[in-house]
Amino acid sequence: MQLWIVLDTQPVTVQYQLTEYGLTLKKIINTLAEWGTEHRKVIVGK
């Protein structure tokens, strides 16, 4: 579900990228992030 590229740097750098299949989770992840933002408001009282 993700691709990675190891770059020839010092220290070694690794870049990650979601595949098309992994990107199908975007809607679910955004929904969870929105829930988390609202839930934080309830806990913190803001």
PDB file of N, CA and C in Angstrom:
ATOM      1  N   MET A   1       0.801  -1.186   0.000  1.00  0.00           N
ATOM      2  CA  MET A   1       0.000   0.000   0.000  1.00  0.00           C
ATOM      3  C   MET A   1       0.845   1.253   0.000  1.00  0.00           C
ATOM      4  N   GLN A   2       2.159   1.083   0.083  1.00  0.00           N
ATOM      5  CA  GLN A   2       3.015   2.248  -0.018  1.00  0.00           C
ATOM      6  C   GLN A   2       4.282   1.887  -0.781  1.00  0.00           C
ATOM      7  N   LEU A   3       4.802   2.868  -1.441  1.00  0.00           N
ATOM      8  CA  LEU A   3       6.076   2.724  -2.134  1.00  0.00           C
ATOM      9  C   LEU A   3       7.115   3.492  -1.345  1.00  0.00           C
ATOM     10  N   TRP A   4       8.359   3.072  -1.406  1.00  0.00           N
ATOM     11  CA  TRP A   4       9.401   3.845  -0.774  1.00  0.00           C
ATOM     12  C   TRP A   4      10.617   3.909  -1.666  1.00  0.00           C
ATOM     13  N   ILE A   5      11.315   5.025  -1.554  1.00  0.00           N
ATOM     14  CA  ILE A   5      12.526   5.271  -2.330  1.00  0.00           C
ATOM     15  C   ILE A   5      13.630   5.620  -1.342  1.00  0.00           C
ATOM     16  N   VAL A   6      14.737   4.902  -1.418  1.00  0.00           N
ATOM     17  CA  VAL A   6      15.885   5.189  -0.567  1.00  0.00           C
ATOM     18  C   VAL A   6      16.836   6.055  -1.372  1.00  0.00           C
ATOM     19  N   LEU A   7      17.117   7.256  -0.855  1.00  0.00           N
ATOM     20  CA  LEU A   7      17.992   8.197  -1.552  1.00  0.00           C
ATOM     21  C   LEU A   7      19.433   8.023  -1.091  1.00  0.00           C
ATOM     22  N   ASP A   8      20.353   8.278  -1.988  1.00  0.00           N
ATOM     23  CA  ASP A   8      21.781   8.150  -1.684  1.00  0.00           C
ATOM     24  C   ASP A   8      22.272   9.437  -1.032  1.00  0.00           C
ATOM     25  N   THR A   9      21.890   9.623   0.240  1.00  0.00           N
ATOM     26  CA  THR A   9      22.291  10.805   0.987  1.00  0.00           C
ATOM     27  C   THR A   9      22.914  10.376   2.298  1.00  0.00           C
ATOM     28  N   GLN A  10      23.568  11.310   2.960  1.00  0.00           N
ATOM     29  CA  GLN A  10      24.138  11.049   4.283  1.00  0.00           C
ATOM     30  C   GLN A  10      23.513  12.008   5.254  1.00  0.00           C
ATOM     31  N   PRO A  11      22.763  11.603   6.251  1.00  0.00           N
ATOM     32  CA  PRO A  11      22.311  10.241   6.475  1.00  0.00           C
ATOM     33  C   PRO A  11      21.305   9.813   5.404  1.00  0.00           C
ATOM     34  N   VAL A  12      21.040   8.541   5.358  1.00  0.00           N
ATOM     35  CA  VAL A  12      20.133   7.993   4.358  1.00  0.00           C
ATOM     36  C   VAL A  12      18.755   8.624   4.518  1.00  0.00           C
ATOM     37  N   THR A  13      18.152   9.005   3.407  1.00  0.00           N
ATOM     38  CA  THR A  13      16.812   9.569   3.388  1.00  0.00           C
ATOM     39  C   THR A  13      15.884   8.587   2.691  1.00  0.00           C
ATOM     40  N   VAL A  14      14.715   8.391   3.263  1.00  0.00           N
ATOM     41  CA  VAL A  14      13.729   7.500   2.659  1.00  0.00           C
ATOM     42  C   VAL A  14      12.461   8.311   2.413  1.00  0.00           C
ATOM     43  N   GLN A  15      11.945   8.263   1.183  1.00  0.00           N
ATOM     44  CA  GLN A  15      10.699   8.936   0.842  1.00  0.00           C
ATOM     45  C   GLN A  15       9.609   7.878   0.693  1.00  0.00           C
ATOM     46  N   TYR A  16       8.453   8.151   1.286  1.00  0.00           N
ATOM     47  CA  TYR A  16       7.325   7.234   1.211  1.00  0.00           C
ATOM     48  C   TYR A  16       6.212   7.863   0.400  1.00  0.00           C
ATOM     49  N   GLN A  17       5.497   7.030  -0.342  1.00  0.00           N
ATOM     50  CA  GLN A  17       4.372   7.504  -1.131  1.00  0.00           C
ATOM     51  C   GLN A  17       3.314   6.404  -1.175  1.00  0.00           C
ATOM     52  N   LEU A  18       2.060   6.802  -0.939  1.00  0.00           N
ATOM     53  CA  LEU A  18       0.985   5.819  -1.001  1.00  0.00           C
ATOM     54  C   LEU A  18       0.733   5.390  -2.435  1.00  0.00           C
ATOM     55  N   THR A  19       0.384   4.139  -2.601  1.00  0.00           N
ATOM     56  CA  THR A  19      -0.010   3.643  -3.916  1.00  0.00           C
ATOM     57  C   THR A  19      -1.455   4.083  -4.183  1.00  0.00           C
ATOM     58  N   GLU A  20      -1.928   3.855  -5.382  1.00  0.00           N
ATOM     59  CA  GLU A  20      -3.318   4.167  -5.712  1.00  0.00           C
ATOM     60  C   GLU A  20      -4.257   3.418  -4.765  1.00  0.00           C
ATOM     61  N   TYR A  21      -3.924   2.183  -4.460  1.00  0.00           N
ATOM     62  CA  TYR A  21      -4.738   1.391  -3.548  1.00  0.00           C
ATOM     63  C   TYR A  21      -4.742   2.009  -2.148  1.00  0.00           C
ATOM     64  N   GLY A  22      -3.584   2.429  -1.695  1.00  0.00           N
ATOM     65  CA  GLY A  22      -3.487   3.071  -0.389  1.00  0.00           C
ATOM     66  C   GLY A  22      -4.277   4.368  -0.336  1.00  0.00           C
ATOM     67  N   LEU A  23      -4.310   5.094  -1.436  1.00  0.00           N
ATOM     68  CA  LEU A  23      -5.057   6.350  -1.486  1.00  0.00           C
ATOM     69  C   LEU A  23      -6.562   6.146  -1.338  1.00  0.00           C
ATOM     70  N   THR A  24      -7.045   4.915  -1.542  1.00  0.00           N
ATOM     71  CA  THR A  24      -8.472   4.657  -1.351  1.00  0.00           C
ATOM     72  C   THR A  24      -8.871   4.817   0.123  1.00  0.00           C
ATOM     73  N   LEU A  25      -7.902   4.870   1.020  1.00  0.00           N
ATOM     74  CA  LEU A  25      -8.176   5.081   2.445  1.00  0.00           C
ATOM     75  C   LEU A  25      -8.330   6.556   2.807  1.00  0.00           C
ATOM     76  N   LYS A  26      -8.051   7.441   1.859  1.00  0.00           N
ATOM     77  CA  LYS A  26      -8.034   8.878   2.136  1.00  0.00           C
ATOM     78  C   LYS A  26      -9.345   9.365   2.748  1.00  0.00           C
ATOM     79  N   LYS A  27     -10.478   8.941   2.219  1.00  0.00           N
ATOM     80  CA  LYS A  27     -11.773   9.386   2.724  1.00  0.00           C
ATOM     81  C   LYS A  27     -11.962   8.949   4.183  1.00  0.00           C
ATOM     82  N   ILE A  28     -11.576   7.712   4.485  1.00  0.00           N
ATOM     83  CA  ILE A  28     -11.703   7.191   5.846  1.00  0.00           C
ATOM     84  C   ILE A  28     -10.787   7.959   6.794  1.00  0.00           C
ATOM     85  N   ILE A  29      -9.553   8.197   6.381  1.00  0.00           N
ATOM     86  CA  ILE A  29      -8.588   8.905   7.224  1.00  0.00           C
ATOM     87  C   ILE A  29      -9.055  10.335   7.489  1.00  0.00           C
ATOM     88  N   ASN A  30      -9.573  11.011   6.460  1.00  0.00           N
ATOM     89  CA  ASN A  30     -10.071  12.375   6.648  1.00  0.00           C
ATOM     90  C   ASN A  30     -11.255  12.404   7.608  1.00  0.00           C
ATOM     91  N   THR A  31     -12.144  11.422   7.503  1.00  0.00           N
ATOM     92  CA  THR A  31     -13.286  11.343   8.410  1.00  0.00           C
ATOM     93  C   THR A  31     -12.813  11.152   9.850  1.00  0.00           C
ATOM     94  N   LEU A  32     -11.835  10.286  10.062  1.00  0.00           N
ATOM     95  CA  LEU A  32     -11.292  10.079  11.409  1.00  0.00           C
ATOM     96  C   LEU A  32     -10.614  11.341  11.937  1.00  0.00           C
ATOM     97  N   ALA A  33      -9.931  12.069  11.073  1.00  0.00           N
ATOM     98  CA  ALA A  33      -9.276  13.314  11.487  1.00  0.00           C
ATOM     99  C   ALA A  33     -10.319  14.352  11.911  1.00  0.00           C
ATOM    100  N   GLU A  34     -11.403  14.458  11.156  1.00  0.00           N
ATOM    101  CA  GLU A  34     -12.475  15.386  11.514  1.00  0.00           C
ATOM    102  C   GLU A  34     -13.096  14.996  12.853  1.00  0.00           C
ATOM    103  N   TRP A  35     -13.327  13.696  13.057  1.00  0.00           N
ATOM    104  CA  TRP A  35     -13.875  13.226  14.327  1.00  0.00           C
ATOM    105  C   TRP A  35     -12.932  13.593  15.460  1.00  0.00           C
ATOM    106  N   GLY A  36     -11.642  13.395  15.261  1.00  0.00           N
ATOM    107  CA  GLY A  36     -10.657  13.705  16.291  1.00  0.00           C
ATOM    108  C   GLY A  36     -10.656  15.177  16.659  1.00  0.00           C
ATOM    109  N   THR A  37     -10.805  16.040  15.670  1.00  0.00           N
ATOM    110  CA  THR A  37     -10.846  17.472  15.931  1.00  0.00           C
ATOM    111  C   THR A  37     -12.063  17.830  16.780  1.00  0.00           C
ATOM    112  N   GLU A  38     -13.206  17.285  16.426  1.00  0.00           N
ATOM    113  CA  GLU A  38     -14.423  17.546  17.192  1.00  0.00           C
ATOM    114  C   GLU A  38     -14.351  16.931  18.594  1.00  0.00           C
ATOM    115  N   HIS A  39     -13.793  15.729  18.695  1.00  0.00           N
ATOM    116  CA  HIS A  39     -13.675  15.053  19.982  1.00  0.00           C
ATOM    117  C   HIS A  39     -12.758  15.845  20.912  1.00  0.00           C
ATOM    118  N   ARG A  40     -11.700  16.396  20.357  1.00  0.00           N
ATOM    119  CA  ARG A  40     -10.777  17.226  21.165  1.00  0.00           C
ATOM    120  C   ARG A  40     -11.515  18.424  21.749  1.00  0.00           C
ATOM    121  N   LYS A  41     -12.391  19.032  20.961  1.00  0.00           N
ATOM    122  CA  LYS A  41     -13.173  20.183  21.447  1.00  0.00           C
ATOM    123  C   LYS A  41     -14.024  19.780  22.644  1.00  0.00           C
ATOM    124  N   VAL A  42     -14.578  18.570  22.603  1.00  0.00           N
ATOM    125  CA  VAL A  42     -15.407  18.089  23.715  1.00  0.00           C
ATOM    126  C   VAL A  42     -14.556  17.886  24.961  1.00  0.00           C
ATOM    127  N   ILE A  43     -13.393  17.280  24.797  1.00  0.00           N
ATOM    128  CA  ILE A  43     -12.509  16.988  25.942  1.00  0.00           C
ATOM    129  C   ILE A  43     -11.944  18.269  26.544  1.00  0.00           C
ATOM    130  N   VAL A  44     -11.444  19.151  25.687  1.00  0.00           N
ATOM    131  CA  VAL A  44     -10.797  20.377  26.145  1.00  0.00           C
ATOM    132  C   VAL A  44     -11.838  21.430  26.530  1.00  0.00           C
ATOM    133  N   GLY A  45     -13.016  21.327  25.963  1.00  0.00           N
ATOM    134  CA  GLY A  45     -14.068  22.276  26.272  1.00  0.00           C
ATOM    135  C   GLY A  45     -14.034  23.521  25.411  1.00  0.00           C
ATOM    136  N   LYS A  46     -13.536  23.376  24.203  1.00  0.00           N
ATOM    137  CA  LYS A  46     -13.460  24.532  23.283  1.00  0.00           C
ATOM    138  C   LYS A  46     -14.332  24.294  22.091  1.00  0.00           C
TER     139      LYS A  46
END
